[in-house]
């Protein structure tokens, strides 16, 4: 059976893990600009506040946090604390251990990191993932991720043969674990891939698309797979995922095509056939409409980069 979440993570190709330790005492605050990377971390001591999207989130010892392509966000001792620029503060710290605050009062420690993802599909794929995943200490997901973080930290600090491959796989596993452990506590969750996979009929349509992306799917075909009416599927899919079924199909096809063109080991005609286009011209027209560039030109530009 296809696994849409695993395929999305595989296409993200996370890499370049960077670690930092943040230690705050007394009153302190740290602000980071929005970015298109995936940020993660765990509170190893104390407690603090996260401000990103929506209401402020309290973080306690043992909590795990995942931020996917977030807007600007802050960590602070309290909601009224003054903040400093995080990137600038960390730039002057040789050991990536940043100390903030007065040195008095309760101490909070955060072990945080981030990794880059493939830029050509970053915007599309991050739109399909929740911006903030917060796992409370003591939950199964947080416990498994704590073990993965230990392995990632060990591998990132070592120089073993095959280390880059092991590290990338561990990071992918951590991402999948964090996303599938994300609590579904909101009555009206934000539209994203996880919300779609939590709705059985929508999940059935998503699995069908990923299992046979080349099939000329219609909403009626997907509704038959989901065993609900076409109108109900169209409404539920758009509400849960944020795209119509056909928009999602097109987006996923283009994401696959971008990866194949970047790798440069397949003829354009073969790529077109694999994602469901009967001719190179039909694929080229669709690709140019989505990306603003013909497939051949896109491949040459990516190879030059």
Protein backbone atom coordinates (compact mmCIF):
# COMPACT_ATOMS: atom_id res chain seq x y z
CA UNK A 1 0.00 0.00 0.00
CA UNK A 2 1.21 3.51 -0.75
CA UNK A 3 2.25 5.73 2.15
CA UNK A 4 1.66 9.42 1.32
CA UNK A 5 3.39 10.71 4.46
CA UNK A 6 6.53 8.65 3.85
CA UNK A 7 6.62 9.72 0.19
CA UNK A 8 6.30 13.41 1.11
CA UNK A 9 9.12 13.11 3.66
CA UNK A 10 11.24 11.25 1.11
CA UNK A 11 10.77 14.07 -1.37
CA UNK A 12 11.79 16.65 1.23
CA UNK A 13 15.23 14.98 1.47
CA UNK A 14 16.21 16.53 4.83
CA UNK A 15 19.91 17.17 5.30
CA UNK A 16 22.50 19.32 7.07
CA UNK A 17 21.63 18.93 10.74
CA UNK A 18 22.81 21.88 12.84
CA UNK A 19 22.66 21.79 16.63
CA UNK A 20 22.48 24.54 19.20
CA UNK A 21 21.92 24.68 22.94
CA UNK A 22 20.01 27.59 24.43
CA UNK A 23 20.17 28.25 28.15
CA UNK A 24 18.16 30.99 29.79
CA UNK A 25 17.86 32.13 33.40
CA UNK A 26 15.79 34.90 34.91
CA UNK A 27 13.99 36.89 32.20
CA UNK A 28 15.09 36.31 28.62
CA UNK A 29 13.74 36.09 25.06
CA UNK A 30 15.04 34.95 21.69
CA UNK A 31 13.48 35.68 18.30
CA UNK A 32 14.14 33.85 15.02
CA UNK A 33 13.06 34.98 11.58
CA UNK A 34 10.78 32.80 9.49
CA UNK A 35 12.52 30.24 7.31
CA UNK A 36 11.80 27.45 4.84
CA UNK A 37 13.65 24.79 6.82
CA UNK A 38 12.37 22.29 9.37
CA UNK A 39 13.29 23.21 12.94
CA UNK A 40 13.14 20.82 15.88
CA UNK A 41 14.12 20.68 19.51
CA UNK A 42 13.45 19.42 23.00
CA UNK A 43 13.24 21.18 26.34
CA UNK A 44 15.85 19.44 28.50
CA UNK A 45 15.25 21.50 31.65
CA UNK A 46 12.84 24.10 32.98
CA UNK A 47 10.03 25.70 31.04
CA UNK A 48 9.42 28.59 28.64
CA UNK A 49 6.98 29.95 26.07
CA UNK A 50 6.87 29.55 22.30
CA UNK A 51 5.17 32.15 20.14
CA UNK A 52 4.68 31.20 16.52
CA UNK A 53 1.21 30.76 15.08
CA UNK A 54 -1.95 31.16 17.10
CA UNK A 55 -1.90 31.21 20.90
CA UNK A 56 1.40 31.05 22.83
CA UNK A 57 2.47 27.49 23.66
CA UNK A 58 3.97 26.59 27.07
CA UNK A 59 6.96 24.24 26.81
CA UNK A 60 7.98 22.05 29.74
CA UNK A 61 10.90 19.71 30.37
CA UNK A 62 10.77 16.74 28.00
CA UNK A 63 8.47 18.42 25.46
CA UNK A 64 9.35 18.02 21.77
CA UNK A 65 8.73 20.69 19.15
CA UNK A 66 8.72 20.61 15.34
CA UNK A 67 8.37 23.79 13.26
CA UNK A 68 7.98 23.25 9.51
CA UNK A 69 8.72 26.34 7.41
CA UNK A 70 7.59 28.61 10.24
CA UNK A 71 7.01 32.35 10.25
CA UNK A 72 9.00 34.33 12.81
CA UNK A 73 8.94 32.67 16.23
CA UNK A 74 10.20 33.39 19.73
CA UNK A 75 11.22 31.52 22.85
CA UNK A 76 10.98 33.44 26.11
CA UNK A 77 10.89 33.03 29.87
CA UNK A 78 7.55 34.86 30.00
CA UNK A 79 5.26 36.56 27.52
CA UNK A 80 6.40 40.05 28.54
CA UNK A 81 10.16 39.47 28.31
CA UNK A 82 12.27 41.51 25.88
CA UNK A 83 13.72 39.48 22.99
CA UNK A 84 17.02 39.57 21.10
CA UNK A 85 17.79 38.36 17.58
CA UNK A 86 18.52 34.62 17.77
CA UNK A 87 20.69 34.23 14.67
CA UNK A 88 22.85 37.21 15.60
CA UNK A 89 23.23 35.98 19.19
CA UNK A 90 24.20 32.45 18.07
CA UNK A 91 26.66 33.75 15.46
CA UNK A 92 28.99 34.97 18.19
CA UNK A 93 28.94 31.71 20.17
CA UNK A 94 31.80 29.37 19.17
CA UNK A 95 30.41 26.23 20.81
CA UNK A 96 26.78 26.81 19.77
CA UNK A 97 25.87 27.09 23.46
CA UNK A 98 24.02 30.35 23.97
CA UNK A 99 23.45 31.68 27.48
CA UNK A 100 20.83 34.36 28.11
CA UNK A 101 19.36 36.23 31.03
CA UNK A 102 20.62 37.41 34.36
CA UNK A 103 22.16 34.16 35.56
CA UNK A 104 19.72 34.15 38.45
CA UNK A 105 16.42 32.35 38.95
CA UNK A 106 15.05 29.22 37.23
CA UNK A 107 17.11 27.82 34.35
CA UNK A 108 15.63 26.65 31.06
CA UNK A 109 17.61 24.61 28.55
CA UNK A 110 16.61 23.89 24.98
CA UNK A 111 18.46 21.54 22.65
CA UNK A 112 17.48 22.60 19.15
CA UNK A 113 18.45 21.96 15.58
CA UNK A 114 17.31 22.43 12.04
CA UNK A 115 17.86 20.84 8.70
CA UNK A 116 17.43 22.07 5.16
CA UNK A 117 15.09 20.50 2.63
CA UNK A 118 15.15 20.38 -1.15
CA UNK A 119 14.27 23.94 -2.25
CA UNK A 120 12.33 23.19 -5.42
CA UNK A 121 9.51 21.43 -3.57
CA UNK A 122 9.87 23.10 -0.19
CA UNK A 123 6.99 25.56 -0.58
CA UNK A 124 4.53 23.01 -1.91
CA UNK A 125 5.38 20.30 0.59
CA UNK A 126 5.58 22.53 3.65
CA UNK A 127 2.10 23.77 2.78
CA UNK A 128 0.97 20.16 3.27
CA UNK A 129 2.53 19.84 6.74
CA UNK A 130 1.46 21.49 10.01
CA UNK A 131 3.58 24.49 10.94
CA UNK A 132 3.79 23.55 14.62
CA UNK A 133 3.81 20.08 16.17
CA UNK A 134 4.08 20.03 19.96
CA UNK A 135 4.44 16.69 21.74
CA UNK A 136 4.10 16.72 25.50
CA UNK A 137 6.63 14.95 27.72
CA UNK A 138 5.55 11.46 28.67
CA UNK A 139 3.69 10.71 25.44
CA UNK A 140 4.79 7.73 23.35
CA UNK A 141 5.84 9.95 20.45
CA UNK A 142 8.01 12.21 22.61
CA UNK A 143 9.71 9.17 24.17
CA UNK A 144 10.57 7.59 20.83
CA UNK A 145 11.81 10.90 19.46
CA UNK A 146 14.05 11.41 22.49
CA UNK A 147 15.81 8.14 21.60
CA UNK A 148 16.10 9.21 17.96
CA UNK A 149 17.59 12.57 18.98
CA UNK A 150 20.26 10.76 20.98
CA UNK A 151 21.16 8.71 17.90
CA UNK A 152 21.13 11.81 15.67
CA UNK A 153 23.35 13.71 18.08
CA UNK A 154 25.78 10.81 18.29
CA UNK A 155 25.93 10.39 14.51
CA UNK A 156 26.22 14.13 13.84
CA UNK A 157 29.23 14.36 16.17
CA UNK A 158 31.02 11.31 14.79
CA UNK A 159 33.02 10.64 11.65
CA UNK A 160 31.95 7.14 10.67
CA UNK A 161 31.76 5.61 7.19
CA UNK A 162 28.29 6.09 5.74
CA UNK A 163 27.50 8.70 8.36
CA UNK A 164 25.67 11.08 6.01
CA UNK A 165 23.36 8.29 4.85
CA UNK A 166 22.64 7.12 8.41
CA UNK A 167 22.03 10.70 9.54
CA UNK A 168 19.61 11.47 6.72
CA UNK A 169 17.63 8.29 7.41
CA UNK A 170 17.46 9.01 11.15
CA UNK A 171 16.21 12.53 10.44
CA UNK A 172 13.55 11.17 8.08
CA UNK A 173 12.42 8.68 10.74
CA UNK A 174 12.27 11.46 13.32
CA UNK A 175 10.14 13.60 10.99
CA UNK A 176 7.71 10.76 10.32
CA UNK A 177 7.49 9.95 14.04
CA UNK A 178 6.82 13.57 14.96
CA UNK A 179 4.14 14.02 12.32
CA UNK A 180 2.29 10.79 12.97
CA UNK A 181 2.38 11.49 16.71
CA UNK A 182 0.96 15.00 16.30
CA UNK A 183 -2.08 15.32 18.57
CA UNK A 184 -5.39 15.75 16.73
CA UNK A 185 -7.04 17.85 19.41
CA UNK A 186 -8.49 20.70 17.37
CA UNK A 187 -12.13 20.58 16.38
CA UNK A 188 -11.26 22.32 13.10
CA UNK A 189 -7.60 21.45 12.41
CA UNK A 190 -5.62 23.47 9.85
CA UNK A 191 -5.77 22.09 6.32
CA UNK A 192 -2.73 19.91 5.60
CA UNK A 193 -1.74 16.39 4.65
CA UNK A 194 -2.02 15.07 8.22
CA UNK A 195 -5.58 16.36 8.49
CA UNK A 196 -6.39 14.59 5.23
CA UNK A 197 -4.86 11.32 6.39
CA UNK A 198 -6.91 11.47 9.59
CA UNK A 199 -10.17 11.48 7.59
CA UNK A 200 -10.75 7.91 6.28
CA UNK A 201 -12.46 8.79 2.95
CA UNK A 202 -9.94 11.54 2.19
CA UNK A 203 -7.10 9.22 3.23
CA UNK A 204 -8.43 6.57 0.82
CA UNK A 205 -8.29 9.10 -2.03
CA UNK A 206 -4.78 10.19 -1.04
CA UNK A 207 -3.55 6.59 -0.94
CA UNK A 208 -5.10 5.96 -4.36
CA UNK A 209 -3.32 8.97 -5.89
CA UNK A 210 0.04 7.99 -4.43
CA UNK A 211 -0.39 4.33 -5.40
CA UNK A 212 -0.94 5.18 -9.09
CA UNK A 213 -0.02 8.79 -9.84
CA UNK A 214 -0.04 8.12 -13.60
CA UNK A 215 -3.70 7.10 -13.70
CA UNK A 216 -6.01 9.72 -15.27
CA UNK A 217 -7.89 10.25 -12.04
CA UNK A 218 -11.19 12.10 -11.89
CA UNK A 219 -13.01 13.17 -8.76
CA UNK A 220 -15.59 10.48 -9.54
CA UNK A 221 -12.87 7.80 -9.66
CA UNK A 222 -11.43 8.94 -6.35
CA UNK A 223 -14.89 9.12 -4.78
CA UNK A 224 -15.43 5.50 -5.80
CA UNK A 225 -12.16 4.57 -4.04
CA UNK A 226 -13.33 6.48 -0.95
CA UNK A 227 -16.85 5.03 -1.17
CA UNK A 228 -18.58 8.38 -0.83
CA UNK A 229 -20.24 10.72 -3.30
CA UNK A 230 -18.21 12.93 -5.59
CA UNK A 231 -19.54 16.15 -4.02
CA UNK A 232 -18.84 14.99 -0.48
CA UNK A 233 -15.28 13.93 -1.33
CA UNK A 234 -14.58 17.22 -3.13
CA UNK A 235 -15.75 19.24 -0.13
CA UNK A 236 -14.03 17.12 2.52
CA UNK A 237 -10.76 16.84 0.58
CA UNK A 238 -10.50 20.61 0.05
CA UNK A 239 -11.40 21.32 3.69
CA UNK A 240 -8.92 18.80 5.10
CA UNK A 241 -5.98 19.08 2.68
CA UNK A 242 -6.36 22.66 1.45
CA UNK A 243 -6.41 21.63 -2.22
CA UNK A 244 -9.02 19.99 -4.41
CA UNK A 245 -8.30 16.35 -5.33
CA UNK A 246 -7.22 17.29 -8.85
CA UNK A 247 -5.08 20.18 -7.59
CA UNK A 248 -3.36 17.78 -5.21
CA UNK A 249 -2.80 15.27 -8.02
CA UNK A 250 -1.25 17.97 -10.21
CA UNK A 251 0.92 19.27 -7.37
CA UNK A 252 2.22 15.80 -6.55
CA UNK A 253 2.93 15.05 -10.21
CA UNK A 254 4.90 18.27 -10.57
CA UNK A 255 6.84 17.56 -7.37
CA UNK A 256 7.87 14.16 -8.73
CA UNK A 257 8.79 15.74 -12.07
CA UNK A 258 10.96 18.40 -10.43
CA UNK A 259 12.92 15.76 -8.54
CA UNK A 260 13.41 13.67 -11.68
CA UNK A 261 14.51 16.67 -13.72
CA UNK A 262 16.97 17.72 -11.05
CA UNK A 263 18.48 14.23 -10.92
CA UNK A 264 18.89 14.37 -14.71
CA UNK A 265 19.01 10.62 -15.40
CA UNK A 266 15.70 10.22 -17.27
CA UNK A 267 14.49 11.55 -20.63
CA UNK A 268 11.68 14.09 -20.38
CA UNK A 269 9.39 11.75 -22.34
CA UNK A 270 9.89 9.02 -19.74
CA UNK A 271 9.18 11.41 -16.86
CA UNK A 272 6.00 12.52 -18.61
CA UNK A 273 4.85 8.92 -19.05
CA UNK A 274 5.57 7.98 -15.43
CA UNK A 275 3.37 10.74 -14.03
CA UNK A 276 0.46 10.28 -16.40
CA UNK A 277 0.98 12.45 -19.47
CA UNK A 278 0.37 10.90 -22.86
CA UNK A 279 2.83 13.14 -24.64
CA UNK A 280 5.89 15.26 -23.92
CA UNK A 281 4.09 18.35 -25.19
CA UNK A 282 1.16 17.87 -22.79
CA UNK A 283 3.59 17.45 -19.89
CA UNK A 284 5.67 20.46 -20.97
CA UNK A 285 2.58 22.65 -21.14
CA UNK A 286 1.43 21.59 -17.67
CA UNK A 287 4.91 21.94 -16.19
CA UNK A 288 5.43 25.42 -17.65
CA UNK A 289 2.03 26.54 -16.42
CA UNK A 290 2.91 25.48 -12.84
CA UNK A 291 6.60 26.45 -12.68
CA UNK A 292 6.91 29.16 -15.33
CA UNK A 293 9.69 27.20 -17.05
CA UNK A 294 9.86 24.49 -19.70
CA UNK A 295 11.12 21.12 -18.36
CA UNK A 296 14.35 21.20 -20.37
CA UNK A 297 15.21 24.71 -19.25
CA UNK A 298 14.35 23.84 -15.66
CA UNK A 299 16.65 20.81 -15.74
CA UNK A 300 19.54 22.80 -17.24
CA UNK A 301 19.18 25.54 -14.65
CA UNK A 302 19.12 23.09 -11.76
CA UNK A 303 22.15 21.23 -13.14
CA UNK A 304 24.06 24.52 -13.44
CA UNK A 305 23.27 25.34 -9.81
